[in-house]
Amino acid sequence: MSNPIFHLEMPNRPRSLRMIAGALRAAMEEPGFSKPDIHHLELAVDEACTNVLEHAYPRGGVDILRLQYLNNVPVDPEEISSSSRAKARRL
């Protein structure tokens, strides 16, 4: 497995969204991403995280929200979905 370029674990709570945005912004400013690219990615990640917070897990479910960016690693949504369901059952 590839080492993540960006890895963050936060409490699965709405108040984490601001901290996630700040960490993501800092991680993208370092290698020189443009301000518009940073803004667009912040919006996309915020929307995705908000959807996870609101819809992915029942109350009292998974307590940690994990974000990773892996360079040049293909993503299989079925694998992510299966892995998340298995982790949620173990909790």
C-alpha atoms as a PDB file:
ATOM      1  CA  MET A   1       0.000   0.000   0.000  1.00  0.00           C
ATOM      2  CA  SER A   2       1.186   3.498  -0.801  1.00  0.00           C
ATOM      3  CA  ASN A   3       1.980   6.010   1.922  1.00  0.00           C
ATOM      4  CA  PRO A   4      -0.598   8.788   2.005  1.00  0.00           C
ATOM      5  CA  ILE A   5       0.404  12.279   0.931  1.00  0.00           C
ATOM      6  CA  PHE A   6      -2.282  13.604   3.251  1.00  0.00           C
ATOM      7  CA  HIS A   7      -3.738  11.741   6.217  1.00  0.00           C
ATOM      8  CA  LEU A   8      -6.024  13.183   8.848  1.00  0.00           C
ATOM      9  CA  GLU A   9      -8.193  11.645  11.551  1.00  0.00           C
ATOM     10  CA  MET A  10     -10.749  13.822  13.287  1.00  0.00           C
ATOM     11  CA  PRO A  11     -13.743  13.277  15.555  1.00  0.00           C
ATOM     12  CA  ASN A  12     -16.785  12.441  13.435  1.00  0.00           C
ATOM     13  CA  ARG A  13     -18.501  15.685  14.489  1.00  0.00           C
ATOM     14  CA  PRO A  14     -19.631  18.827  12.605  1.00  0.00           C
ATOM     15  CA  ARG A  15     -17.113  21.003  14.484  1.00  0.00           C
ATOM     16  CA  SER A  16     -14.306  19.040  12.796  1.00  0.00           C
ATOM     17  CA  LEU A  17     -15.166  20.471   9.356  1.00  0.00           C
ATOM     18  CA  ARG A  18     -13.369  23.777   9.999  1.00  0.00           C
ATOM     19  CA  MET A  19     -10.223  21.974  11.217  1.00  0.00           C
ATOM     20  CA  ILE A  20     -10.309  19.639   8.212  1.00  0.00           C
ATOM     21  CA  ALA A  21     -10.521  22.621   5.843  1.00  0.00           C
ATOM     22  CA  GLY A  22      -7.578  24.325   7.548  1.00  0.00           C
ATOM     23  CA  ALA A  23      -5.406  21.212   7.457  1.00  0.00           C
ATOM     24  CA  LEU A  24      -6.273  20.572   3.820  1.00  0.00           C
ATOM     25  CA  ARG A  25      -5.540  24.189   2.873  1.00  0.00           C
ATOM     26  CA  ALA A  26      -2.143  24.064   4.603  1.00  0.00           C
ATOM     27  CA  ALA A  27      -1.282  20.760   2.920  1.00  0.00           C
ATOM     28  CA  MET A  28      -2.134  22.186  -0.516  1.00  0.00           C
ATOM     29  CA  GLU A  29      -0.392  25.544  -0.050  1.00  0.00           C
ATOM     30  CA  GLU A  30       2.953  23.881   0.682  1.00  0.00           C
ATOM     31  CA  PRO A  31       3.435  22.323  -2.789  1.00  0.00           C
ATOM     32  CA  GLY A  32       2.047  25.442  -4.480  1.00  0.00           C
ATOM     33  CA  PHE A  33      -1.527  24.617  -5.533  1.00  0.00           C
ATOM     34  CA  SER A  34      -3.362  27.653  -6.897  1.00  0.00           C
ATOM     35  CA  LYS A  35      -5.882  29.460  -4.688  1.00  0.00           C
ATOM     36  CA  PRO A  36      -8.789  28.508  -6.977  1.00  0.00           C
ATOM     37  CA  ASP A  37      -7.742  24.822  -6.905  1.00  0.00           C
ATOM     38  CA  ILE A  38      -7.476  24.922  -3.113  1.00  0.00           C
ATOM     39  CA  HIS A  39     -10.898  26.536  -2.851  1.00  0.00           C
ATOM     40  CA  HIS A  40     -12.509  23.962  -5.156  1.00  0.00           C
ATOM     41  CA  LEU A  41     -10.989  21.033  -3.304  1.00  0.00           C
ATOM     42  CA  GLU A  42     -11.989  22.519   0.051  1.00  0.00           C
ATOM     43  CA  LEU A  43     -15.588  22.760  -1.147  1.00  0.00           C
ATOM     44  CA  ALA A  44     -15.589  19.198  -2.471  1.00  0.00           C
ATOM     45  CA  VAL A  45     -14.052  17.752   0.702  1.00  0.00           C
ATOM     46  CA  ASP A  46     -16.389  19.790   2.911  1.00  0.00           C
ATOM     47  CA  GLU A  47     -19.405  18.478   0.996  1.00  0.00           C
ATOM     48  CA  ALA A  48     -18.155  14.893   1.152  1.00  0.00           C
ATOM     49  CA  CYS A  49     -17.409  15.104   4.880  1.00  0.00           C
ATOM     50  CA  THR A  50     -20.775  16.751   5.559  1.00  0.00           C
ATOM     51  CA  ASN A  51     -22.510  13.898   3.731  1.00  0.00           C
ATOM     52  CA  VAL A  52     -20.582  11.346   5.781  1.00  0.00           C
ATOM     53  CA  LEU A  53     -21.496  13.135   9.008  1.00  0.00           C
ATOM     54  CA  GLU A  54     -25.172  13.370   8.089  1.00  0.00           C
ATOM     55  CA  HIS A  55     -25.841  10.127   6.247  1.00  0.00           C
ATOM     56  CA  ALA A  56     -23.155   7.472   6.467  1.00  0.00           C
ATOM     57  CA  TYR A  57     -23.368   6.306  10.052  1.00  0.00           C
ATOM     58  CA  PRO A  58     -26.170   6.128  12.597  1.00  0.00           C
ATOM     59  CA  ARG A  59     -25.819   8.093  15.813  1.00  0.00           C
ATOM     60  CA  GLY A  60     -23.368   6.405  18.099  1.00  0.00           C
ATOM     61  CA  GLY A  61     -21.648   4.789  15.088  1.00  0.00           C
ATOM     62  CA  VAL A  62     -18.129   5.408  13.868  1.00  0.00           C
ATOM     63  CA  ASP A  63     -16.397   8.096  15.952  1.00  0.00           C
ATOM     64  CA  ILE A  64     -13.440   8.883  13.688  1.00  0.00           C
ATOM     65  CA  LEU A  65     -13.516  10.533  10.279  1.00  0.00           C
ATOM     66  CA  ARG A  66     -10.427   9.543   8.280  1.00  0.00           C
ATOM     67  CA  LEU A  67      -9.231  11.417   5.211  1.00  0.00           C
ATOM     68  CA  GLN A  68      -6.381  10.286   3.007  1.00  0.00           C
ATOM     69  CA  TYR A  69      -4.975  11.383  -0.300  1.00  0.00           C
ATOM     70  CA  LEU A  70      -2.908   8.711  -1.980  1.00  0.00           C
ATOM     71  CA  ASN A  71      -0.932   9.738  -5.049  1.00  0.00           C
ATOM     72  CA  ASN A  72      -1.668   7.674  -8.174  1.00  0.00           C
ATOM     73  CA  VAL A  73      -3.660   5.022  -6.348  1.00  0.00           C
ATOM     74  CA  PRO A  74      -6.883   3.931  -8.058  1.00  0.00           C
ATOM     75  CA  VAL A  75      -9.982   4.074  -5.878  1.00  0.00           C
ATOM     76  CA  ASP A  76     -12.531   1.267  -5.891  1.00  0.00           C
ATOM     77  CA  PRO A  77     -15.786   2.572  -4.348  1.00  0.00           C
ATOM     78  CA  GLU A  78     -16.962  -0.975  -3.649  1.00  0.00           C
ATOM     79  CA  GLU A  79     -13.830  -1.674  -1.626  1.00  0.00           C
ATOM     80  CA  ILE A  80     -14.283   1.525   0.382  1.00  0.00           C
ATOM     81  CA  SER A  81     -17.952   0.787   0.984  1.00  0.00           C
ATOM     82  CA  SER A  82     -17.309  -2.818   2.051  1.00  0.00           C
ATOM     83  CA  SER A  83     -14.445  -1.806   4.314  1.00  0.00           C
ATOM     84  CA  SER A  84     -16.527   0.915   5.985  1.00  0.00           C
ATOM     85  CA  ARG A  85     -19.440  -1.438   6.621  1.00  0.00           C
ATOM     86  CA  ALA A  86     -17.110  -4.054   8.096  1.00  0.00           C
ATOM     87  CA  LYS A  87     -15.489  -1.497  10.410  1.00  0.00           C
ATOM     88  CA  ALA A  88     -18.871  -0.154  11.506  1.00  0.00           C
ATOM     89  CA  ARG A  89     -20.017  -3.691  12.416  1.00  0.00           C
ATOM     90  CA  ARG A  90     -16.902  -4.236  14.550  1.00  0.00           C
ATOM     91  CA  LEU A  91     -17.549  -1.127  16.640  1.00  0.00           C
END
